Amino acid sequence: MRTELYHGGLLNRCNLHLHLHPLNLCLGEARVAESLGATIFEQSPVVRIEHGASPDIAAELRPRLEATFPQLRGTPLEHAWQGMAGIVINRIPMLGRLSDNVYYAQGYSGHGVATSHIVAEIMAQAIAGHMEEFDTFAACRHVRVPFGDALGSPLLAAGMWYYQMLEH
């Protein structure tokens, strides 16, 4: 597909080792968990749903898609997804503990599929009482973006753009 923005690409006809399908990963992990004795509550009833504004993801995506690949102009989008990316300034996931039995991990900076698996191992070790790796991450100093969400998100976007430009 022609575009002025990219100079090359990789066509992977076999899809052997270069692509990850998140749904298949999740289904595979569920099978393994069940084989190890875990119970998965797939049909659990929803107790409450809090509705917020539903952005039109396709409308937000289309201008960038068509600027990158003009020949796709007008092509319907079959699937669209949106999620919040937990970006931390130093790119080190934030691990912590709120109480004896409440742990948290966040801030994968766009690398959650891979990083969350590593962090899950560290969290499991911590819950089992082996705290060394957990404590290493928990001790990392994280800086809050100044001025909260109002100015913090634009500052974060500007910083990400700056570092992206350094790579080119």
Protein backbone atom coordinates (compact mmCIF):
# COMPACT_ATOMS: atom_id res chain seq x y z
CA MET A 1 0.00 0.00 0.00
CA ARG A 2 1.50 3.32 -0.97
CA THR A 3 2.12 6.09 1.52
CA GLU A 4 4.44 9.06 1.70
CA LEU A 5 4.96 8.55 5.43
CA TYR A 6 6.68 5.14 5.44
CA HIS A 7 9.64 4.00 3.36
CA GLY A 8 9.31 0.28 3.84
CA GLY A 9 7.47 -2.48 5.55
CA LEU A 10 7.47 -6.17 6.27
CA LEU A 11 5.07 -8.63 4.69
CA ASN A 12 4.74 -11.61 6.97
CA ARG A 13 2.89 -14.32 5.04
CA CYS A 14 3.38 -16.94 7.73
CA ASN A 15 2.65 -14.81 10.81
CA LEU A 16 4.85 -17.18 12.79
CA HIS A 17 6.81 -15.05 15.22
CA LEU A 18 6.11 -11.43 14.44
CA HIS A 19 2.54 -10.87 15.53
CA LEU A 20 0.50 -11.27 18.66
CA HIS A 21 -3.27 -11.63 18.63
CA PRO A 22 -4.43 -10.33 22.04
CA LEU A 23 -7.71 -12.28 22.05
CA ASN A 24 -5.97 -15.55 21.21
CA LEU A 25 -3.42 -14.80 23.93
CA CYS A 26 -6.22 -14.25 26.45
CA LEU A 27 -8.05 -17.42 25.40
CA GLY A 28 -4.84 -19.43 25.61
CA GLU A 29 -4.05 -18.06 29.04
CA ALA A 30 -7.59 -18.90 30.20
CA ARG A 31 -7.16 -22.51 29.00
CA VAL A 32 -3.87 -22.82 30.85
CA ALA A 33 -5.30 -21.26 34.01
CA GLU A 34 -8.22 -23.70 33.96
CA SER A 35 -5.86 -26.63 33.38
CA LEU A 36 -4.00 -25.55 36.52
CA GLY A 37 -7.19 -25.47 38.59
CA ALA A 38 -8.36 -21.86 38.22
CA THR A 39 -12.06 -21.14 37.93
CA ILE A 40 -13.07 -18.53 35.37
CA PHE A 41 -16.43 -16.87 35.93
CA GLU A 42 -17.30 -16.02 32.31
CA GLN A 43 -21.03 -15.68 32.81
CA SER A 44 -20.90 -13.56 35.96
CA PRO A 45 -23.83 -11.14 36.03
CA VAL A 46 -23.10 -7.46 35.57
CA VAL A 47 -24.16 -5.62 38.70
CA ARG A 48 -23.81 -2.06 37.44
CA ILE A 49 -22.70 -0.18 34.34
CA GLU A 50 -21.71 3.45 34.49
CA HIS A 51 -22.25 5.06 31.11
CA GLY A 52 -20.06 7.87 29.93
CA ALA A 53 -19.77 9.66 26.64
CA SER A 54 -19.15 7.25 23.77
CA PRO A 55 -16.65 8.82 21.40
CA ASP A 56 -16.83 7.95 17.71
CA ILE A 57 -13.49 6.17 17.46
CA ALA A 58 -13.80 5.59 13.72
CA ALA A 59 -14.37 9.32 13.13
CA GLU A 60 -11.30 10.15 15.23
CA LEU A 61 -9.17 7.54 13.47
CA ARG A 62 -10.26 8.23 9.89
CA PRO A 63 -8.35 11.53 9.27
CA ARG A 64 -5.01 9.99 10.30
CA LEU A 65 -5.71 6.76 8.46
CA GLU A 66 -6.59 8.58 5.24
CA ALA A 67 -3.63 10.95 5.56
CA THR A 68 -1.32 7.94 5.88
CA PHE A 69 -3.06 5.76 3.28
CA PRO A 70 -5.07 8.01 0.92
CA GLN A 71 -6.27 5.04 -1.12
CA LEU A 72 -8.32 3.88 1.90
CA ARG A 73 -10.47 7.03 1.77
CA GLY A 74 -14.09 6.03 2.32
CA THR A 75 -13.31 2.40 3.22
CA PRO A 76 -15.59 1.30 6.06
CA LEU A 77 -13.91 0.46 9.36
CA GLU A 78 -15.15 -2.89 10.62
CA HIS A 79 -13.56 -2.74 14.08
CA ALA A 80 -12.55 0.16 16.31
CA TRP A 81 -11.24 0.07 19.85
CA GLN A 82 -10.17 2.66 22.37
CA GLY A 83 -8.45 2.38 25.69
CA MET A 84 -6.57 4.58 28.07
CA ALA A 85 -2.81 4.22 27.89
CA GLY A 86 -1.13 4.53 31.26
CA ILE A 87 1.94 6.55 30.29
CA VAL A 88 4.52 7.24 32.99
CA ILE A 89 7.29 9.72 32.46
CA ASN A 90 10.20 7.38 33.22
CA ARG A 91 8.54 4.45 31.34
CA ILE A 92 8.94 2.15 34.36
CA PRO A 93 5.68 0.47 35.45
CA MET A 94 4.38 1.62 38.81
CA LEU A 95 4.05 -1.23 41.30
CA GLY A 96 2.81 -0.67 44.81
CA ARG A 97 0.84 -1.92 47.74
CA LEU A 98 -2.14 -0.18 49.34
CA SER A 99 -2.53 -2.65 52.22
CA ASP A 100 -1.46 -6.15 53.21
CA ASN A 101 -3.62 -7.74 50.54
CA VAL A 102 -4.10 -4.98 47.93
CA TYR A 103 -1.38 -4.60 45.31
CA TYR A 104 -1.44 -2.54 42.14
CA ALA A 105 0.46 -2.32 38.87
CA GLN A 106 -0.07 0.41 36.28
CA GLY A 107 1.69 2.61 33.78
CA TYR A 108 2.87 0.21 31.08
CA SER A 109 3.37 3.14 28.67
CA GLY A 110 1.84 1.42 25.67
CA HIS A 111 3.66 -1.88 26.20
CA GLY A 112 1.06 -3.56 28.39
CA VAL A 113 0.63 -6.84 26.51
CA ALA A 114 4.28 -7.76 26.96
CA THR A 115 5.11 -5.91 30.16
CA SER A 116 2.00 -7.01 32.07
CA HIS A 117 3.10 -10.64 31.78
CA ILE A 118 6.47 -9.87 33.34
CA VAL A 119 4.84 -7.74 36.04
CA ALA A 120 2.30 -10.50 36.74
CA GLU A 121 5.20 -12.83 37.61
CA ILE A 122 6.68 -10.19 39.91
CA MET A 123 3.30 -9.59 41.57
CA ALA A 124 2.71 -13.33 42.05
CA GLN A 125 6.14 -13.67 43.68
CA ALA A 126 5.37 -10.71 45.96
CA ILE A 127 2.03 -12.16 47.02
CA ALA A 128 3.85 -15.42 47.78
CA GLY A 129 6.24 -13.46 50.04
CA HIS A 130 9.21 -13.01 47.68
CA MET A 131 9.42 -9.22 47.60
CA GLU A 132 12.84 -8.47 46.06
CA GLU A 133 11.78 -7.66 42.48
CA PHE A 134 8.53 -6.03 43.63
CA ASP A 135 10.42 -3.81 46.06
CA THR A 136 12.84 -2.79 43.29
CA PHE A 137 9.97 -1.53 41.13
CA ALA A 138 8.05 -0.08 44.08
CA ALA A 139 11.11 1.96 45.07
CA CYS A 140 11.34 3.68 41.66
CA ARG A 141 10.60 7.35 41.91
CA HIS A 142 7.79 8.51 39.65
CA VAL A 143 7.17 12.13 38.76
CA ARG A 144 3.64 13.43 38.34
CA VAL A 145 2.98 15.55 35.29
CA PRO A 146 2.48 19.08 36.64
CA PHE A 147 -0.91 20.82 36.67
CA GLY A 148 -3.09 17.69 36.69
CA ASP A 149 -5.16 16.48 33.77
CA ALA A 150 -5.99 19.95 32.45
CA LEU A 151 -2.43 20.72 31.42
CA GLY A 152 -0.78 17.39 32.21
CA SER A 153 -2.19 15.50 29.22
CA PRO A 154 -1.09 18.12 26.66
CA LEU A 155 2.35 18.31 28.32
CA LEU A 156 2.65 14.53 28.19
CA ALA A 157 1.64 14.50 24.50
CA ALA A 158 4.21 17.22 23.74
CA GLY A 159 6.91 15.27 25.55
CA MET A 160 6.07 12.07 23.68
CA TRP A 161 6.15 13.99 20.38
CA TYR A 162 9.53 15.50 21.28
CA TYR A 163 11.12 12.12 21.97
CA GLN A 164 9.55 10.67 18.84
CA MET A 165 11.18 13.46 16.81
CA LEU A 166 14.56 12.65 18.37
CA GLU A 167 14.27 9.12 17.00
CA HIS A 168 13.96 10.37 13.39
